[in-house]
Amino acid sequence: MKTDREEEVLNLIEKKRNHIIDFLKELISFPSETGNEAEIQRFIAGRLETMGLTVDAWEPDHEALKKHPAYVPTDRDYTDCPNVVGIYKGTGNGKSLLFNGHVDVIPEGPLDAWEHQPWSGDIVGDRLYGRGTSDMKSGLAAMTMAMEFLMKAGIKLKGDVILEYVVDEEQTGNGT
């Protein structure tokens, strides 16, 4: 049996289905290939600020990363490729929950190979098309919308919820 709060959140999700899809389509519209993540990250940071989260953004420190045992060599220096974090502060004395997802996507390749343009977010039947839809922009939309709906439902959590939107997962993983 679901609690009234659970029912409230589930009803909100159902009522806001188009809102969720529109947000995902917005994410897909950004051609956020590895090295070109700045624009989508600015968009996400703005969205998190509008939601009322505490937001931090920074470029990974390439020189510091080189010292890490899991570092993968790259010629990138992460200039204008920030990671973004949004924090929903809990009431205290609870465990925190962290969601992490990458904003970069692999190159779209030849455009004539696409039945639906890679940044279109076209919907045909019950399918949404676009580069990064399943890896990983739908996950980014899910974690963002879940936080938005919990906040709108007035649900207070004891622990913090931390949303991380990271760069450079597709090539090296150094950003995450």
N, C-alpha and C. Protein backbone atom coordinates (compact mmCIF):
# COMPACT_ATOMS: atom_id res chain seq x y z
N MET A 1 0.84 -1.18 0.00
CA MET A 1 0.00 0.00 0.00
C MET A 1 0.88 1.25 0.00
N LYS A 2 0.57 2.17 -0.87
CA LYS A 2 1.36 3.39 -0.99
C LYS A 2 0.88 4.42 0.03
N THR A 3 1.83 5.20 0.52
CA THR A 3 1.47 6.30 1.43
C THR A 3 0.87 7.43 0.61
N ASP A 4 0.25 8.37 1.30
CA ASP A 4 -0.32 9.54 0.61
C ASP A 4 0.78 10.32 -0.11
N ARG A 5 1.94 10.43 0.52
CA ARG A 5 3.07 11.14 -0.10
C ARG A 5 3.51 10.45 -1.39
N GLU A 6 3.63 9.13 -1.34
CA GLU A 6 4.03 8.38 -2.53
C GLU A 6 3.01 8.57 -3.65
N GLU A 7 1.73 8.51 -3.30
CA GLU A 7 0.68 8.74 -4.30
C GLU A 7 0.77 10.14 -4.88
N GLU A 8 1.06 11.12 -4.01
CA GLU A 8 1.18 12.51 -4.46
C GLU A 8 2.30 12.66 -5.48
N VAL A 9 3.45 12.07 -5.19
CA VAL A 9 4.59 12.16 -6.11
C VAL A 9 4.28 11.43 -7.41
N LEU A 10 3.72 10.24 -7.33
CA LEU A 10 3.38 9.48 -8.55
C LEU A 10 2.35 10.21 -9.40
N ASN A 11 1.37 10.83 -8.76
CA ASN A 11 0.37 11.61 -9.51
C ASN A 11 1.01 12.82 -10.16
N LEU A 12 1.91 13.47 -9.45
CA LEU A 12 2.62 14.63 -10.01
C LEU A 12 3.43 14.21 -11.24
N ILE A 13 4.10 13.08 -11.16
CA ILE A 13 4.89 12.58 -12.29
C ILE A 13 3.98 12.33 -13.49
N GLU A 14 2.85 11.68 -13.25
CA GLU A 14 1.93 11.39 -14.35
C GLU A 14 1.37 12.68 -14.96
N LYS A 15 1.02 13.64 -14.11
CA LYS A 15 0.48 14.91 -14.60
C LYS A 15 1.52 15.69 -15.39
N LYS A 16 2.77 15.52 -15.02
CA LYS A 16 3.86 16.30 -15.62
C LYS A 16 4.63 15.50 -16.67
N ARG A 17 4.03 14.47 -17.21
CA ARG A 17 4.70 13.62 -18.20
C ARG A 17 5.28 14.44 -19.35
N ASN A 18 4.49 15.35 -19.90
CA ASN A 18 4.97 16.18 -21.02
C ASN A 18 6.10 17.10 -20.58
N HIS A 19 6.06 17.58 -19.35
CA HIS A 19 7.12 18.41 -18.79
C HIS A 19 8.44 17.63 -18.76
N ILE A 20 8.36 16.37 -18.35
CA ILE A 20 9.54 15.50 -18.30
C ILE A 20 10.09 15.28 -19.70
N ILE A 21 9.21 14.96 -20.63
CA ILE A 21 9.63 14.71 -22.02
C ILE A 21 10.23 15.97 -22.63
N ASP A 22 9.61 17.12 -22.38
CA ASP A 22 10.15 18.38 -22.91
C ASP A 22 11.54 18.67 -22.36
N PHE A 23 11.75 18.38 -21.08
CA PHE A 23 13.08 18.58 -20.49
C PHE A 23 14.10 17.67 -21.15
N LEU A 24 13.74 16.41 -21.35
CA LEU A 24 14.64 15.48 -22.03
C LEU A 24 14.94 15.96 -23.45
N LYS A 25 13.93 16.43 -24.16
CA LYS A 25 14.15 16.94 -25.52
C LYS A 25 15.10 18.14 -25.50
N GLU A 26 14.98 18.99 -24.47
CA GLU A 26 15.92 20.11 -24.35
C GLU A 26 17.34 19.60 -24.19
N LEU A 27 17.54 18.62 -23.33
CA LEU A 27 18.88 18.06 -23.14
C LEU A 27 19.43 17.48 -24.45
N ILE A 28 18.58 16.75 -25.17
CA ILE A 28 19.00 16.14 -26.44
C ILE A 28 19.39 17.21 -27.46
N SER A 29 18.76 18.37 -27.40
CA SER A 29 19.01 19.42 -28.39
C SER A 29 20.42 20.00 -28.31
N PHE A 30 21.12 19.77 -27.21
CA PHE A 30 22.49 20.27 -27.08
C PHE A 30 23.47 19.28 -27.71
N PRO A 31 24.25 19.72 -28.70
CA PRO A 31 25.26 18.83 -29.30
C PRO A 31 26.48 18.74 -28.38
N SER A 32 26.33 18.01 -27.31
CA SER A 32 27.33 18.00 -26.23
C SER A 32 28.36 16.90 -26.40
N GLU A 33 28.97 16.87 -27.58
CA GLU A 33 30.05 15.91 -27.80
C GLU A 33 31.19 16.21 -26.82
N THR A 34 31.96 15.20 -26.50
CA THR A 34 33.08 15.37 -25.58
C THR A 34 33.92 16.57 -26.01
N GLY A 35 34.16 17.49 -25.08
CA GLY A 35 34.90 18.71 -25.36
C GLY A 35 33.99 19.88 -25.68
N ASN A 36 32.70 19.63 -25.84
CA ASN A 36 31.73 20.67 -26.18
C ASN A 36 30.57 20.64 -25.17
N GLU A 37 30.91 20.55 -23.89
CA GLU A 37 29.89 20.38 -22.87
C GLU A 37 29.45 21.67 -22.20
N ALA A 38 30.12 22.79 -22.46
CA ALA A 38 29.86 24.02 -21.70
C ALA A 38 28.42 24.50 -21.79
N GLU A 39 27.85 24.49 -22.98
CA GLU A 39 26.49 25.04 -23.16
C GLU A 39 25.45 24.22 -22.39
N ILE A 40 25.51 22.91 -22.48
CA ILE A 40 24.54 22.09 -21.74
C ILE A 40 24.75 22.24 -20.24
N GLN A 41 26.00 22.38 -19.82
CA GLN A 41 26.27 22.52 -18.39
C GLN A 41 25.73 23.86 -17.86
N ARG A 42 25.83 24.92 -18.65
CA ARG A 42 25.24 26.20 -18.23
C ARG A 42 23.73 26.07 -18.11
N PHE A 43 23.12 25.38 -19.08
CA PHE A 43 21.67 25.15 -19.05
C PHE A 43 21.28 24.37 -17.79
N ILE A 44 21.99 23.30 -17.49
CA ILE A 44 21.68 22.48 -16.32
C ILE A 44 21.87 23.28 -15.03
N ALA A 45 22.98 24.01 -14.92
CA ALA A 45 23.22 24.81 -13.72
C ALA A 45 22.08 25.81 -13.50
N GLY A 46 21.64 26.44 -14.57
CA GLY A 46 20.52 27.38 -14.47
C GLY A 46 19.25 26.70 -14.01
N ARG A 47 19.00 25.52 -14.53
CA ARG A 47 17.80 24.77 -14.14
C ARG A 47 17.85 24.41 -12.65
N LEU A 48 19.01 23.94 -12.19
CA LEU A 48 19.16 23.57 -10.78
C LEU A 48 19.00 24.77 -9.87
N GLU A 49 19.54 25.92 -10.28
CA GLU A 49 19.38 27.15 -9.49
C GLU A 49 17.91 27.54 -9.42
N THR A 50 17.20 27.46 -10.54
CA THR A 50 15.77 27.77 -10.57
C THR A 50 14.99 26.85 -9.62
N MET A 51 15.41 25.62 -9.53
CA MET A 51 14.76 24.66 -8.63
C MET A 51 15.05 24.96 -7.16
N GLY A 52 16.07 25.77 -6.89
CA GLY A 52 16.40 26.12 -5.51
C GLY A 52 17.54 25.30 -4.92
N LEU A 53 18.26 24.57 -5.75
CA LEU A 53 19.40 23.80 -5.25
C LEU A 53 20.62 24.70 -5.10
N THR A 54 21.53 24.31 -4.24
CA THR A 54 22.83 24.95 -4.16
C THR A 54 23.66 24.39 -5.30
N VAL A 55 24.21 25.27 -6.14
CA VAL A 55 24.89 24.82 -7.36
C VAL A 55 26.36 25.22 -7.33
N ASP A 56 27.20 24.30 -7.75
CA ASP A 56 28.62 24.56 -7.91
C ASP A 56 29.04 24.05 -9.29
N ALA A 57 29.94 24.76 -9.92
CA ALA A 57 30.46 24.34 -11.23
C ALA A 57 31.95 24.65 -11.25
N TRP A 58 32.72 23.74 -11.80
CA TRP A 58 34.17 23.94 -11.90
C TRP A 58 34.72 23.07 -13.02
N GLU A 59 35.84 23.52 -13.55
CA GLU A 59 36.54 22.74 -14.56
C GLU A 59 37.47 21.76 -13.86
N PRO A 60 37.47 20.49 -14.27
CA PRO A 60 38.40 19.55 -13.66
C PRO A 60 39.85 20.05 -13.79
N ASP A 61 40.62 19.84 -12.76
CA ASP A 61 42.02 20.25 -12.73
C ASP A 61 42.86 19.17 -13.40
N HIS A 62 43.23 19.42 -14.66
CA HIS A 62 43.93 18.41 -15.44
C HIS A 62 45.25 18.00 -14.80
N GLU A 63 45.99 18.96 -14.28
CA GLU A 63 47.28 18.63 -13.66
C GLU A 63 47.09 17.75 -12.43
N ALA A 64 46.07 18.03 -11.64
CA ALA A 64 45.80 17.20 -10.46
C ALA A 64 45.33 15.81 -10.88
N LEU A 65 44.52 15.75 -11.93
CA LEU A 65 44.03 14.45 -12.41
C LEU A 65 45.17 13.54 -12.85
N LYS A 66 46.22 14.13 -13.43
CA LYS A 66 47.36 13.34 -13.91
C LYS A 66 48.01 12.52 -12.79
N LYS A 67 47.84 12.97 -11.55
CA LYS A 67 48.45 12.28 -10.41
C LYS A 67 47.58 11.15 -9.87
N HIS A 68 46.36 11.07 -10.36
CA HIS A 68 45.44 10.04 -9.86
C HIS A 68 45.77 8.69 -10.51
N PRO A 69 45.73 7.58 -9.75
CA PRO A 69 46.08 6.28 -10.33
C PRO A 69 45.15 5.81 -11.45
N ALA A 70 43.93 6.33 -11.51
CA ALA A 70 43.00 5.91 -12.56
C ALA A 70 42.98 6.88 -13.74
N TYR A 71 43.90 7.84 -13.75
CA TYR A 71 43.95 8.84 -14.83
C TYR A 71 44.18 8.16 -16.18
N VAL A 72 43.45 8.63 -17.17
CA VAL A 72 43.64 8.18 -18.56
C VAL A 72 44.23 9.36 -19.34
N PRO A 73 45.40 9.19 -19.95
CA PRO A 73 46.03 10.29 -20.67
C PRO A 73 45.13 10.88 -21.76
N THR A 74 45.16 12.20 -21.85
CA THR A 74 44.38 12.93 -22.85
C THR A 74 45.08 14.24 -23.15
N ASP A 75 44.80 14.79 -24.32
CA ASP A 75 45.37 16.10 -24.66
C ASP A 75 44.43 17.22 -24.25
N ARG A 76 43.29 16.90 -23.69
CA ARG A 76 42.33 17.91 -23.24
C ARG A 76 42.80 18.55 -21.94
N ASP A 77 42.45 19.83 -21.77
CA ASP A 77 42.79 20.48 -20.51
C ASP A 77 41.54 20.90 -19.73
N TYR A 78 40.36 20.60 -20.24
CA TYR A 78 39.06 20.84 -19.59
C TYR A 78 38.68 22.31 -19.49
N THR A 79 39.36 23.18 -20.24
CA THR A 79 38.96 24.58 -20.27
C THR A 79 37.56 24.67 -20.85
N ASP A 80 36.69 25.38 -20.18
CA ASP A 80 35.29 25.60 -20.57
C ASP A 80 34.51 24.28 -20.67
N CYS A 81 34.89 23.31 -19.86
CA CYS A 81 34.16 22.03 -19.77
C CYS A 81 33.90 21.73 -18.30
N PRO A 82 32.98 22.48 -17.68
CA PRO A 82 32.78 22.33 -16.24
C PRO A 82 31.94 21.12 -15.85
N ASN A 83 32.24 20.59 -14.69
CA ASN A 83 31.33 19.68 -14.01
C ASN A 83 30.35 20.55 -13.24
N VAL A 84 29.13 20.07 -13.06
CA VAL A 84 28.10 20.81 -12.33
C VAL A 84 27.53 19.90 -11.25
N VAL A 85 27.36 20.47 -10.07
CA VAL A 85 26.76 19.74 -8.96
C VAL A 85 25.64 20.58 -8.35
N GLY A 86 24.51 19.95 -8.12
CA GLY A 86 23.40 20.58 -7.41
C GLY A 86 23.16 19.82 -6.11
N ILE A 87 22.98 20.57 -5.02
CA ILE A 87 22.79 19.93 -3.71
C ILE A 87 21.47 20.39 -3.11
N TYR A 88 20.66 19.40 -2.73
CA TYR A 88 19.45 19.62 -1.96
C TYR A 88 19.80 19.26 -0.53
N LYS A 89 19.83 20.26 0.33
CA LYS A 89 20.28 20.06 1.70
C LYS A 89 19.20 19.37 2.51
N GLY A 90 19.57 18.27 3.15
CA GLY A 90 18.65 17.55 4.02
C GLY A 90 18.49 18.26 5.36
N THR A 91 17.59 17.75 6.18
CA THR A 91 17.33 18.36 7.48
C THR A 91 18.37 17.96 8.52
N GLY A 92 19.17 16.94 8.23
CA GLY A 92 20.25 16.54 9.12
C GLY A 92 20.08 15.13 9.65
N ASN A 93 21.21 14.54 10.02
CA ASN A 93 21.26 13.21 10.63
C ASN A 93 20.77 12.09 9.72
N GLY A 94 20.88 12.28 8.42
CA GLY A 94 20.50 11.23 7.49
C GLY A 94 21.63 10.94 6.52
N LYS A 95 21.53 9.82 5.86
CA LYS A 95 22.52 9.47 4.85
C LYS A 95 22.24 10.25 3.57
N SER A 96 23.30 10.64 2.90
CA SER A 96 23.16 11.36 1.64
C SER A 96 23.00 10.38 0.48
N LEU A 97 22.41 10.88 -0.57
CA LEU A 97 22.20 10.10 -1.79
C LEU A 97 22.79 10.88 -2.95
N LEU A 98 23.65 10.24 -3.73
CA LEU A 98 24.33 10.90 -4.84
C LEU A 98 23.91 10.26 -6.16
N PHE A 99 23.54 11.10 -7.13
CA PHE A 99 23.28 10.66 -8.50
C PHE A 99 24.36 11.27 -9.38
N ASN A 100 24.92 10.48 -10.29
CA ASN A 100 25.98 10.95 -11.17
C ASN A 100 25.65 10.54 -12.60
N GLY A 101 25.78 11.49 -13.51
CA GLY A 101 25.59 11.17 -14.92
C GLY A 101 26.43 12.08 -15.79
N HIS A 102 26.79 11.59 -16.96
CA HIS A 102 27.65 12.37 -17.86
C HIS A 102 26.81 13.06 -18.94
N VAL A 103 27.26 14.27 -19.30
CA VAL A 103 26.55 15.07 -20.31
C VAL A 103 27.13 14.90 -21.71
N ASP A 104 28.34 14.37 -21.81
CA ASP A 104 28.96 14.25 -23.13
C ASP A 104 28.42 13.03 -23.87
N VAL A 105 28.42 13.17 -25.19
CA VAL A 105 27.95 12.10 -26.08
C VAL A 105 29.01 11.86 -27.15
N ILE A 106 28.92 10.71 -27.79
CA ILE A 106 29.85 10.41 -28.88
C ILE A 106 29.43 11.20 -30.12
N PRO A 107 30.35 11.44 -31.06
CA PRO A 107 29.99 12.17 -32.27
C PRO A 107 28.86 11.48 -33.03
N GLU A 108 28.07 12.29 -33.72
CA GLU A 108 26.89 11.75 -34.42
C GLU A 108 27.23 11.03 -35.71
N GLY A 109 28.45 11.21 -36.22
CA GLY A 109 28.80 10.55 -37.48
C GLY A 109 28.10 11.23 -38.65
N PRO A 110 28.04 10.55 -39.80
CA PRO A 110 27.42 11.14 -40.99
C PRO A 110 25.93 11.41 -40.77
N LEU A 111 25.51 12.64 -41.00
CA LEU A 111 24.11 13.01 -40.78
C LEU A 111 23.15 12.25 -41.68
N ASP A 112 23.63 11.87 -42.88
CA ASP A 112 22.73 11.14 -43.79
C ASP A 112 22.45 9.72 -43.31
N ALA A 113 23.15 9.28 -42.27
CA ALA A 113 22.88 7.96 -41.71
C ALA A 113 21.74 7.99 -40.68
N TRP A 114 21.30 9.18 -40.36
CA TRP A 114 20.25 9.35 -39.35
C TRP A 114 18.88 9.46 -40.02
N GLU A 115 17.95 8.64 -39.59
CA GLU A 115 16.56 8.79 -40.04
C GLU A 115 15.94 10.02 -39.38
N HIS A 116 16.32 10.28 -38.13
CA HIS A 116 15.90 11.46 -37.38
C HIS A 116 17.17 12.19 -36.97
N GLN A 117 17.22 13.49 -37.17
CA GLN A 117 18.44 14.25 -36.89
C GLN A 117 18.87 14.06 -35.43
N PRO A 118 20.19 14.01 -35.19
CA PRO A 118 20.69 13.62 -33.87
C PRO A 118 20.31 14.55 -32.73
N TRP A 119 20.04 15.81 -33.00
CA TRP A 119 19.75 16.76 -31.92
C TRP A 119 18.27 17.16 -31.93
N SER A 120 17.44 16.40 -32.65
CA SER A 120 16.04 16.80 -32.85
C SER A 120 15.12 16.43 -31.69
N GLY A 121 15.35 15.31 -31.05
CA GLY A 121 14.41 14.85 -30.03
C GLY A 121 13.06 14.48 -30.63
N ASP A 122 13.08 14.03 -31.88
CA ASP A 122 11.83 13.64 -32.55
C ASP A 122 11.14 12.52 -31.79
N ILE A 123 9.83 12.60 -31.73
CA ILE A 123 9.03 11.53 -31.14
C ILE A 123 8.21 10.90 -32.25
N VAL A 124 8.34 9.60 -32.38
CA VAL A 124 7.57 8.83 -33.36
C VAL A 124 6.95 7.67 -32.58
N GLY A 125 5.63 7.66 -32.53
CA GLY A 125 4.95 6.65 -31.72
C GLY A 125 5.31 6.87 -30.26
N ASP A 126 5.82 5.85 -29.63
CA ASP A 126 6.21 5.98 -28.22
C ASP A 126 7.73 6.01 -28.05
N ARG A 127 8.45 6.39 -29.12
CA ARG A 127 9.91 6.45 -29.07
C ARG A 127 10.40 7.88 -29.29
N LEU A 128 11.43 8.24 -28.53
CA LEU A 128 12.07 9.53 -28.66
C LEU A 128 13.46 9.29 -29.23
N TYR A 129 13.82 10.03 -30.28
CA TYR A 129 15.08 9.81 -30.98
C TYR A 129 16.03 10.98 -30.77
N GLY A 130 17.32 10.67 -30.69
CA GLY A 130 18.35 11.69 -30.63
C GLY A 130 19.61 11.15 -30.00
N ARG A 131 20.73 11.77 -30.34
CA ARG A 131 22.03 11.37 -29.81
C ARG A 131 22.02 11.58 -28.29
N GLY A 132 22.41 10.55 -27.58
CA GLY A 132 22.50 10.63 -26.13
C GLY A 132 21.20 10.31 -25.40
N THR A 133 20.15 9.97 -26.14
CA THR A 133 18.86 9.73 -25.50
C THR A 133 18.97 8.67 -24.41
N SER A 134 19.58 7.53 -24.73
CA SER A 134 19.67 6.47 -23.72
C SER A 134 20.99 6.51 -22.96
N ASP A 135 21.99 7.17 -23.49
CA ASP A 135 23.31 7.25 -22.85
C ASP A 135 23.82 8.68 -22.92
N MET A 136 23.40 9.51 -22.06
CA MET A 136 22.81 9.24 -20.77
C MET A 136 21.83 10.34 -20.42
N LYS A 137 21.34 11.02 -21.46
CA LYS A 137 20.49 12.18 -21.19
C LYS A 137 19.15 11.82 -20.57
N SER A 138 18.63 10.63 -20.84
CA SER A 138 17.40 10.22 -20.16
C SER A 138 17.66 10.04 -18.66
N GLY A 139 18.82 9.54 -18.30
CA GLY A 139 19.19 9.41 -16.89
C GLY A 139 19.33 10.76 -16.22
N LEU A 140 19.92 11.72 -16.95
CA LEU A 140 20.05 13.08 -16.41
C LEU A 140 18.68 13.69 -16.18
N ALA A 141 17.78 13.50 -17.14
CA ALA A 141 16.42 14.03 -17.01
C ALA A 141 15.72 13.37 -15.82
N ALA A 142 15.88 12.06 -15.68
CA ALA A 142 15.21 11.33 -14.59
C ALA A 142 15.67 11.83 -13.22
N MET A 143 16.98 12.00 -13.04
CA MET A 143 17.44 12.43 -11.72
C MET A 143 17.03 13.88 -11.44
N THR A 144 17.04 14.72 -12.47
CA THR A 144 16.64 16.12 -12.29
C THR A 144 15.15 16.22 -11.97
N MET A 145 14.35 15.52 -12.74
CA MET A 145 12.90 15.58 -12.54
C MET A 145 12.50 14.93 -11.21
N ALA A 146 13.16 13.85 -10.81
CA ALA A 146 12.86 13.23 -9.52
C ALA A 146 13.08 14.23 -8.39
N MET A 147 14.18 14.96 -8.46
CA MET A 147 14.46 15.96 -7.43
C MET A 147 13.44 17.08 -7.47
N GLU A 148 13.12 17.54 -8.67
CA GLU A 148 12.13 18.62 -8.81
C GLU A 148 10.79 18.21 -8.20
N PHE A 149 10.35 17.00 -8.47
CA PHE A 149 9.04 16.56 -7.99
C PHE A 149 9.04 16.32 -6.48
N LEU A 150 10.13 15.81 -5.94
CA LEU A 150 10.22 15.66 -4.48
C LEU A 150 10.13 17.02 -3.80
N MET A 151 10.80 18.00 -4.37
CA MET A 151 10.77 19.34 -3.80
C MET A 151 9.36 19.94 -3.93
N LYS A 152 8.73 19.80 -5.09
CA LYS A 152 7.37 20.34 -5.28
C LYS A 152 6.36 19.68 -4.36
N ALA A 153 6.58 18.42 -4.04
CA ALA A 153 5.68 17.71 -3.13
C ALA A 153 5.97 18.06 -1.67
N GLY A 154 7.01 18.86 -1.43
CA GLY A 154 7.33 19.28 -0.08
C GLY A 154 7.95 18.20 0.78
N ILE A 155 8.54 17.22 0.14
CA ILE A 155 9.15 16.11 0.88
C ILE A 155 10.51 16.54 1.41
N LYS A 156 10.67 16.43 2.71
CA LYS A 156 11.94 16.76 3.36
C LYS A 156 12.69 15.46 3.65
N LEU A 157 13.95 15.46 3.34
CA LEU A 157 14.79 14.29 3.58
C LEU A 157 15.81 14.62 4.66
N LYS A 158 16.21 13.64 5.43
CA LYS A 158 17.21 13.88 6.47
C LYS A 158 18.59 14.10 5.86
N GLY A 159 18.93 13.31 4.84
CA GLY A 159 20.23 13.44 4.21
C GLY A 159 20.18 14.34 2.99
N ASP A 160 21.34 14.74 2.51
CA ASP A 160 21.43 15.55 1.31
C ASP A 160 21.19 14.69 0.08
N VAL A 161 20.70 15.32 -0.99
CA VAL A 161 20.66 14.69 -2.30
C VAL A 161 21.61 15.49 -3.18
N ILE A 162 22.56 14.80 -3.79
CA ILE A 162 23.59 15.44 -4.60
C ILE A 162 23.44 14.96 -6.03
N LEU A 163 23.28 15.91 -6.95
CA LEU A 163 23.14 15.60 -8.37
C LEU A 163 24.41 16.05 -9.07
N GLU A 164 25.14 15.12 -9.67
CA GLU A 164 26.38 15.43 -10.38
C GLU A 164 26.19 15.25 -11.89
N TYR A 165 26.58 16.27 -12.64
CA TYR A 165 26.53 16.25 -14.10
C TYR A 165 27.97 16.45 -14.57
N VAL A 166 28.57 15.40 -15.10
CA VAL A 166 30.00 15.41 -15.34
C VAL A 166 30.34 15.37 -16.84
N VAL A 167 31.58 15.77 -17.13
CA VAL A 167 32.08 15.83 -18.51
C VAL A 167 33.04 14.68 -18.77
N ASP A 168 33.32 14.45 -20.03
CA ASP A 168 34.40 13.57 -20.49
C ASP A 168 34.29 12.12 -20.03
N GLU A 169 33.09 11.58 -19.96
CA GLU A 169 32.96 10.16 -19.66
C GLU A 169 33.21 9.32 -20.89
N GLU A 170 32.79 9.81 -22.05
CA GLU A 170 32.83 9.01 -23.27
C GLU A 170 34.25 8.67 -23.72
N GLN A 171 35.22 9.56 -23.48
CA GLN A 171 36.57 9.30 -23.98
C GLN A 171 37.51 8.77 -22.92
N THR A 172 37.51 9.39 -21.73
CA THR A 172 38.48 8.97 -20.73
C THR A 172 37.87 8.63 -19.37
N GLY A 173 36.76 9.23 -19.05
CA GLY A 173 36.20 9.07 -17.71
C GLY A 173 36.85 9.99 -16.69
N ASN A 174 37.82 10.80 -17.10
CA ASN A 174 38.53 11.66 -16.17
C ASN A 174 37.62 12.68 -15.50
N GLY A 175 36.60 13.15 -16.20
CA GLY A 175 35.73 14.18 -15.64
C GLY A 175 34.87 13.68 -14.49
N THR A 176 34.61 12.39 -14.49
CA THR A 176 33.75 11.86 -13.45
C THR A 176 34.55 11.40 -12.25
